[in-house]
Amino acid sequence: MDPTPDNRTTAVYFTISNPDQTRIDLIGVRTDRASIKTLHKTETDAQGATRMSTSPNLRIEAGESLVLAPCGLHIMLLDLEIPLVEGETLPSRLKFYGGNDLTVHVPILAPDATGPMP
């Protein structure tokens, strides 16, 4: 997780694995900490221009993992209602097509962090 200096917007990063024999589609995320939660992707075009856009779902193929990371797929939280505190976790409910949910606790890291500490 990478909060912005104003602590009102943040990108959420993690890796999710699909051990099932069929693909799964992440279609949303819920958290009590932000009023707007969207799935996003960052793409760079042939001219080198980078843009971020919403995505209706993030597909995880059977037996594969999906990495949400800077400059790629991620979750955007906007209008944070409670400040994020480094060292805490952000409880989030991942919503999957078909009605399955998964609750995760994403570590809150400093903006310049490169990954969770062991």
N, C-alpha and C. Protein backbone atom coordinates (compact mmCIF):
# COMPACT_ATOMS: atom_id res chain seq x y z
N MET A 1 0.84 -1.16 0.00
CA MET A 1 0.00 0.00 0.00
C MET A 1 0.89 1.22 0.00
N ASP A 2 0.48 2.23 -0.75
CA ASP A 2 1.33 3.39 -0.97
C ASP A 2 0.51 4.66 -0.83
N PRO A 3 0.38 5.23 0.40
CA PRO A 3 -0.43 6.43 0.57
C PRO A 3 0.24 7.65 -0.04
N THR A 4 -0.58 8.57 -0.54
CA THR A 4 -0.06 9.83 -1.06
C THR A 4 0.22 10.76 0.11
N PRO A 5 0.99 11.84 -0.11
CA PRO A 5 1.31 12.74 1.00
C PRO A 5 0.09 13.31 1.71
N ASP A 6 -1.03 13.55 0.99
CA ASP A 6 -2.21 14.10 1.66
C ASP A 6 -3.01 13.02 2.37
N ASN A 7 -2.63 11.77 2.18
CA ASN A 7 -3.25 10.62 2.86
C ASN A 7 -4.74 10.51 2.55
N ARG A 8 -5.21 11.03 1.41
CA ARG A 8 -6.61 10.92 1.01
C ARG A 8 -6.79 9.92 -0.13
N THR A 9 -5.71 9.56 -0.80
CA THR A 9 -5.74 8.62 -1.92
C THR A 9 -4.58 7.66 -1.74
N THR A 10 -4.83 6.40 -2.06
CA THR A 10 -3.75 5.42 -1.96
C THR A 10 -3.95 4.32 -2.99
N ALA A 11 -2.85 3.75 -3.42
CA ALA A 11 -2.87 2.56 -4.26
C ALA A 11 -2.57 1.36 -3.37
N VAL A 12 -3.25 0.26 -3.65
CA VAL A 12 -3.08 -0.96 -2.85
C VAL A 12 -2.46 -2.02 -3.73
N TYR A 13 -1.40 -2.66 -3.22
CA TYR A 13 -0.67 -3.68 -3.96
C TYR A 13 -0.56 -4.95 -3.12
N PHE A 14 -0.67 -6.08 -3.78
CA PHE A 14 -0.45 -7.38 -3.15
C PHE A 14 -0.45 -8.43 -4.25
N THR A 15 -0.17 -9.66 -3.90
CA THR A 15 -0.23 -10.78 -4.83
C THR A 15 -1.32 -11.72 -4.37
N ILE A 16 -2.14 -12.16 -5.30
CA ILE A 16 -3.20 -13.11 -4.97
C ILE A 16 -3.04 -14.34 -5.87
N SER A 17 -3.13 -15.51 -5.25
CA SER A 17 -2.96 -16.78 -5.98
C SER A 17 -4.30 -17.48 -6.12
N ASN A 18 -4.44 -18.20 -7.22
CA ASN A 18 -5.63 -18.98 -7.50
C ASN A 18 -5.25 -20.46 -7.56
N PRO A 19 -5.45 -21.20 -6.47
CA PRO A 19 -5.09 -22.61 -6.48
C PRO A 19 -6.14 -23.50 -7.15
N ASP A 20 -7.27 -22.92 -7.56
CA ASP A 20 -8.36 -23.69 -8.15
C ASP A 20 -8.04 -24.15 -9.56
N GLN A 21 -8.90 -25.01 -10.09
CA GLN A 21 -8.76 -25.53 -11.45
C GLN A 21 -9.48 -24.65 -12.48
N THR A 22 -10.16 -23.61 -12.03
CA THR A 22 -10.85 -22.70 -12.93
C THR A 22 -10.42 -21.27 -12.62
N ARG A 23 -10.53 -20.41 -13.61
CA ARG A 23 -10.14 -19.02 -13.41
C ARG A 23 -11.11 -18.34 -12.45
N ILE A 24 -10.65 -17.27 -11.84
CA ILE A 24 -11.50 -16.45 -10.99
C ILE A 24 -11.34 -15.00 -11.41
N ASP A 25 -12.38 -14.21 -11.19
CA ASP A 25 -12.36 -12.79 -11.54
C ASP A 25 -12.62 -11.95 -10.31
N LEU A 26 -11.64 -11.12 -9.97
CA LEU A 26 -11.81 -10.14 -8.91
C LEU A 26 -12.62 -8.99 -9.50
N ILE A 27 -13.78 -8.69 -8.91
CA ILE A 27 -14.66 -7.67 -9.48
C ILE A 27 -14.81 -6.43 -8.59
N GLY A 28 -14.21 -6.46 -7.42
CA GLY A 28 -14.31 -5.29 -6.56
C GLY A 28 -13.63 -5.51 -5.23
N VAL A 29 -13.58 -4.43 -4.48
CA VAL A 29 -12.99 -4.47 -3.15
C VAL A 29 -13.82 -3.56 -2.25
N ARG A 30 -13.92 -3.93 -1.01
CA ARG A 30 -14.64 -3.12 -0.02
C ARG A 30 -13.74 -2.90 1.18
N THR A 31 -13.79 -1.68 1.67
CA THR A 31 -13.11 -1.35 2.92
C THR A 31 -13.87 -0.19 3.54
N ASP A 32 -13.92 -0.17 4.84
CA ASP A 32 -14.61 0.91 5.54
C ASP A 32 -13.78 2.19 5.58
N ARG A 33 -12.54 2.13 5.11
CA ARG A 33 -11.63 3.26 5.24
C ARG A 33 -11.72 4.28 4.11
N ALA A 34 -12.37 3.94 2.98
CA ALA A 34 -12.44 4.85 1.84
C ALA A 34 -13.83 4.82 1.23
N SER A 35 -14.25 5.96 0.69
CA SER A 35 -15.59 6.00 0.09
C SER A 35 -15.59 5.51 -1.35
N ILE A 36 -14.44 5.57 -2.04
CA ILE A 36 -14.36 5.11 -3.43
C ILE A 36 -13.27 4.05 -3.53
N LYS A 37 -13.62 2.89 -4.09
CA LYS A 37 -12.68 1.79 -4.25
C LYS A 37 -12.80 1.25 -5.66
N THR A 38 -11.70 1.28 -6.43
CA THR A 38 -11.78 0.84 -7.82
C THR A 38 -10.58 -0.02 -8.19
N LEU A 39 -10.81 -0.92 -9.14
CA LEU A 39 -9.73 -1.71 -9.72
C LEU A 39 -9.12 -0.88 -10.84
N HIS A 40 -7.79 -0.82 -10.90
CA HIS A 40 -7.11 0.02 -11.88
C HIS A 40 -6.00 -0.74 -12.59
N LYS A 41 -5.63 -0.20 -13.75
CA LYS A 41 -4.45 -0.69 -14.46
C LYS A 41 -3.71 0.52 -15.01
N THR A 42 -2.41 0.43 -15.04
CA THR A 42 -1.56 1.46 -15.61
C THR A 42 -0.98 0.89 -16.89
N GLU A 43 -1.09 1.66 -17.98
CA GLU A 43 -0.59 1.20 -19.27
C GLU A 43 0.26 2.30 -19.90
N THR A 44 1.27 1.89 -20.65
CA THR A 44 2.10 2.82 -21.40
C THR A 44 1.91 2.54 -22.88
N ASP A 45 1.59 3.59 -23.66
CA ASP A 45 1.34 3.39 -25.08
C ASP A 45 2.65 3.42 -25.87
N ALA A 46 2.55 3.24 -27.17
CA ALA A 46 3.73 3.16 -28.04
C ALA A 46 4.56 4.44 -28.03
N GLN A 47 3.94 5.57 -27.72
CA GLN A 47 4.66 6.84 -27.67
C GLN A 47 5.27 7.10 -26.30
N GLY A 48 5.07 6.19 -25.35
CA GLY A 48 5.66 6.32 -24.02
C GLY A 48 4.78 7.05 -23.02
N ALA A 49 3.56 7.41 -23.41
CA ALA A 49 2.65 8.08 -22.49
C ALA A 49 2.00 7.03 -21.57
N THR A 50 2.01 7.32 -20.29
CA THR A 50 1.44 6.40 -19.31
C THR A 50 0.12 6.96 -18.82
N ARG A 51 -0.87 6.07 -18.72
CA ARG A 51 -2.15 6.48 -18.19
C ARG A 51 -2.74 5.38 -17.33
N MET A 52 -3.58 5.79 -16.40
CA MET A 52 -4.23 4.87 -15.50
C MET A 52 -5.72 4.87 -15.83
N SER A 53 -6.33 3.70 -15.81
CA SER A 53 -7.76 3.60 -16.08
C SER A 53 -8.38 2.53 -15.20
N THR A 54 -9.68 2.63 -15.03
CA THR A 54 -10.38 1.61 -14.25
C THR A 54 -10.51 0.34 -15.06
N SER A 55 -10.68 -0.75 -14.35
CA SER A 55 -10.86 -2.06 -14.97
C SER A 55 -12.06 -2.72 -14.31
N PRO A 56 -12.97 -3.31 -15.09
CA PRO A 56 -14.15 -3.93 -14.48
C PRO A 56 -13.83 -5.17 -13.66
N ASN A 57 -12.73 -5.83 -14.00
CA ASN A 57 -12.33 -7.03 -13.26
C ASN A 57 -10.84 -7.29 -13.47
N LEU A 58 -10.30 -8.08 -12.59
CA LEU A 58 -8.92 -8.55 -12.73
C LEU A 58 -8.98 -10.07 -12.73
N ARG A 59 -8.58 -10.67 -13.81
CA ARG A 59 -8.69 -12.12 -14.01
C ARG A 59 -7.45 -12.83 -13.47
N ILE A 60 -7.70 -13.94 -12.76
CA ILE A 60 -6.63 -14.79 -12.24
C ILE A 60 -6.86 -16.19 -12.80
N GLU A 61 -5.99 -16.61 -13.70
CA GLU A 61 -6.15 -17.92 -14.33
C GLU A 61 -5.92 -19.04 -13.32
N ALA A 62 -6.45 -20.21 -13.64
CA ALA A 62 -6.32 -21.39 -12.77
C ALA A 62 -4.84 -21.69 -12.51
N GLY A 63 -4.51 -21.88 -11.24
CA GLY A 63 -3.15 -22.23 -10.86
C GLY A 63 -2.14 -21.09 -10.97
N GLU A 64 -2.60 -19.88 -11.26
CA GLU A 64 -1.71 -18.74 -11.46
C GLU A 64 -1.82 -17.75 -10.29
N SER A 65 -0.92 -16.78 -10.30
CA SER A 65 -0.96 -15.69 -9.34
C SER A 65 -1.07 -14.38 -10.10
N LEU A 66 -1.68 -13.41 -9.48
CA LEU A 66 -1.82 -12.07 -10.05
C LEU A 66 -1.10 -11.10 -9.13
N VAL A 67 -0.17 -10.34 -9.70
CA VAL A 67 0.60 -9.38 -8.91
C VAL A 67 0.02 -7.99 -9.14
N LEU A 68 -0.39 -7.36 -8.07
CA LEU A 68 -0.79 -5.96 -8.10
C LEU A 68 0.41 -5.17 -7.62
N ALA A 69 0.91 -4.25 -8.47
CA ALA A 69 2.18 -3.58 -8.18
C ALA A 69 2.19 -2.19 -8.82
N PRO A 70 3.09 -1.32 -8.36
CA PRO A 70 3.21 0.00 -8.98
C PRO A 70 3.43 -0.13 -10.49
N CYS A 71 2.86 0.79 -11.23
CA CYS A 71 2.97 0.84 -12.70
C CYS A 71 2.29 -0.34 -13.38
N GLY A 72 1.36 -0.98 -12.70
CA GLY A 72 0.64 -2.12 -13.28
C GLY A 72 -0.77 -2.18 -12.73
N LEU A 73 -1.24 -3.36 -12.45
CA LEU A 73 -2.56 -3.55 -11.87
C LEU A 73 -2.51 -3.15 -10.40
N HIS A 74 -3.59 -2.55 -9.91
CA HIS A 74 -3.66 -2.14 -8.51
C HIS A 74 -5.09 -1.78 -8.14
N ILE A 75 -5.30 -1.54 -6.87
CA ILE A 75 -6.58 -1.07 -6.36
C ILE A 75 -6.37 0.37 -5.91
N MET A 76 -7.27 1.26 -6.31
CA MET A 76 -7.20 2.65 -5.88
C MET A 76 -8.27 2.89 -4.82
N LEU A 77 -7.85 3.53 -3.73
CA LEU A 77 -8.78 3.96 -2.70
C LEU A 77 -8.76 5.49 -2.70
N LEU A 78 -9.94 6.09 -2.86
CA LEU A 78 -10.06 7.54 -2.92
C LEU A 78 -10.95 8.02 -1.77
N ASP A 79 -10.72 9.25 -1.37
CA ASP A 79 -11.48 9.85 -0.27
C ASP A 79 -11.37 9.01 0.99
N LEU A 80 -10.12 8.74 1.39
CA LEU A 80 -9.90 8.00 2.62
C LEU A 80 -10.56 8.72 3.78
N GLU A 81 -11.34 8.00 4.56
CA GLU A 81 -12.09 8.58 5.66
C GLU A 81 -11.33 8.50 6.97
N ILE A 82 -10.40 7.58 7.05
CA ILE A 82 -9.56 7.40 8.24
C ILE A 82 -8.12 7.37 7.77
N PRO A 83 -7.24 8.19 8.35
CA PRO A 83 -5.84 8.19 7.89
C PRO A 83 -5.20 6.81 8.02
N LEU A 84 -4.31 6.52 7.08
CA LEU A 84 -3.56 5.27 7.13
C LEU A 84 -2.32 5.49 7.98
N VAL A 85 -2.00 4.51 8.81
CA VAL A 85 -0.87 4.61 9.70
C VAL A 85 0.13 3.50 9.37
N GLU A 86 1.34 3.90 9.02
CA GLU A 86 2.39 2.93 8.70
C GLU A 86 2.53 1.93 9.85
N GLY A 87 2.62 0.66 9.48
CA GLY A 87 2.76 -0.41 10.48
C GLY A 87 1.44 -1.10 10.80
N GLU A 88 0.31 -0.45 10.50
CA GLU A 88 -0.99 -1.08 10.70
C GLU A 88 -1.36 -1.87 9.44
N THR A 89 -2.53 -2.46 9.44
CA THR A 89 -3.02 -3.15 8.25
C THR A 89 -4.36 -2.55 7.84
N LEU A 90 -4.68 -2.73 6.58
CA LEU A 90 -5.95 -2.26 6.03
C LEU A 90 -6.82 -3.48 5.77
N PRO A 91 -7.85 -3.72 6.59
CA PRO A 91 -8.75 -4.83 6.31
C PRO A 91 -9.56 -4.51 5.06
N SER A 92 -9.58 -5.45 4.13
CA SER A 92 -10.28 -5.26 2.86
C SER A 92 -10.97 -6.56 2.48
N ARG A 93 -12.16 -6.42 1.90
CA ARG A 93 -12.88 -7.60 1.43
C ARG A 93 -12.82 -7.62 -0.08
N LEU A 94 -12.21 -8.65 -0.64
CA LEU A 94 -12.12 -8.81 -2.08
C LEU A 94 -13.39 -9.51 -2.56
N LYS A 95 -14.01 -8.95 -3.60
CA LYS A 95 -15.25 -9.49 -4.15
C LYS A 95 -14.93 -10.19 -5.46
N PHE A 96 -15.37 -11.43 -5.59
CA PHE A 96 -15.13 -12.23 -6.78
C PHE A 96 -16.44 -12.53 -7.49
N TYR A 97 -16.37 -12.66 -8.82
CA TYR A 97 -17.52 -13.05 -9.61
C TYR A 97 -18.03 -14.40 -9.09
N GLY A 98 -19.30 -14.51 -8.93
CA GLY A 98 -19.88 -15.73 -8.40
C GLY A 98 -20.25 -15.61 -6.93
N GLY A 99 -19.95 -14.46 -6.34
CA GLY A 99 -20.38 -14.22 -4.97
C GLY A 99 -19.39 -14.56 -3.88
N ASN A 100 -18.22 -15.05 -4.24
CA ASN A 100 -17.24 -15.38 -3.21
C ASN A 100 -16.51 -14.12 -2.76
N ASP A 101 -16.26 -14.02 -1.46
CA ASP A 101 -15.50 -12.92 -0.88
C ASP A 101 -14.30 -13.49 -0.15
N LEU A 102 -13.27 -12.67 -0.04
CA LEU A 102 -12.08 -13.05 0.71
C LEU A 102 -11.62 -11.81 1.47
N THR A 103 -11.49 -11.93 2.78
CA THR A 103 -10.99 -10.81 3.58
C THR A 103 -9.48 -10.92 3.71
N VAL A 104 -8.81 -9.80 3.41
CA VAL A 104 -7.36 -9.73 3.52
C VAL A 104 -7.00 -8.54 4.39
N HIS A 105 -5.82 -8.60 4.99
CA HIS A 105 -5.30 -7.50 5.81
C HIS A 105 -4.00 -7.05 5.16
N VAL A 106 -4.08 -5.95 4.42
CA VAL A 106 -2.95 -5.46 3.65
C VAL A 106 -2.07 -4.58 4.53
N PRO A 107 -0.76 -4.88 4.65
CA PRO A 107 0.12 -4.05 5.47
C PRO A 107 0.22 -2.63 4.91
N ILE A 108 0.21 -1.65 5.78
CA ILE A 108 0.37 -0.25 5.39
C ILE A 108 1.85 0.09 5.51
N LEU A 109 2.44 0.43 4.36
CA LEU A 109 3.87 0.70 4.29
C LEU A 109 4.12 2.17 4.02
N ALA A 110 5.35 2.60 4.23
CA ALA A 110 5.75 3.96 3.91
C ALA A 110 5.69 4.15 2.39
N PRO A 111 5.47 5.38 1.92
CA PRO A 111 5.39 5.63 0.47
C PRO A 111 6.61 5.16 -0.30
N ASP A 112 7.78 5.16 0.31
CA ASP A 112 9.01 4.77 -0.40
C ASP A 112 9.38 3.31 -0.17
N ALA A 113 8.52 2.52 0.47
CA ALA A 113 8.81 1.11 0.75
C ALA A 113 8.79 0.31 -0.55
N THR A 114 9.60 -0.73 -0.61
CA THR A 114 9.65 -1.60 -1.79
C THR A 114 8.96 -2.94 -1.54
N GLY A 115 8.43 -3.15 -0.36
CA GLY A 115 7.72 -4.38 -0.06
C GLY A 115 7.66 -4.57 1.43
N PRO A 116 6.86 -5.52 1.89
CA PRO A 116 6.75 -5.76 3.32
C PRO A 116 8.07 -6.22 3.92
N MET A 117 8.29 -5.82 5.13
CA MET A 117 9.50 -6.26 5.84
C MET A 117 9.27 -7.68 6.33
N PRO A 118 10.32 -8.51 6.36
CA PRO A 118 10.16 -9.91 6.83
C PRO A 118 9.84 -9.96 8.31
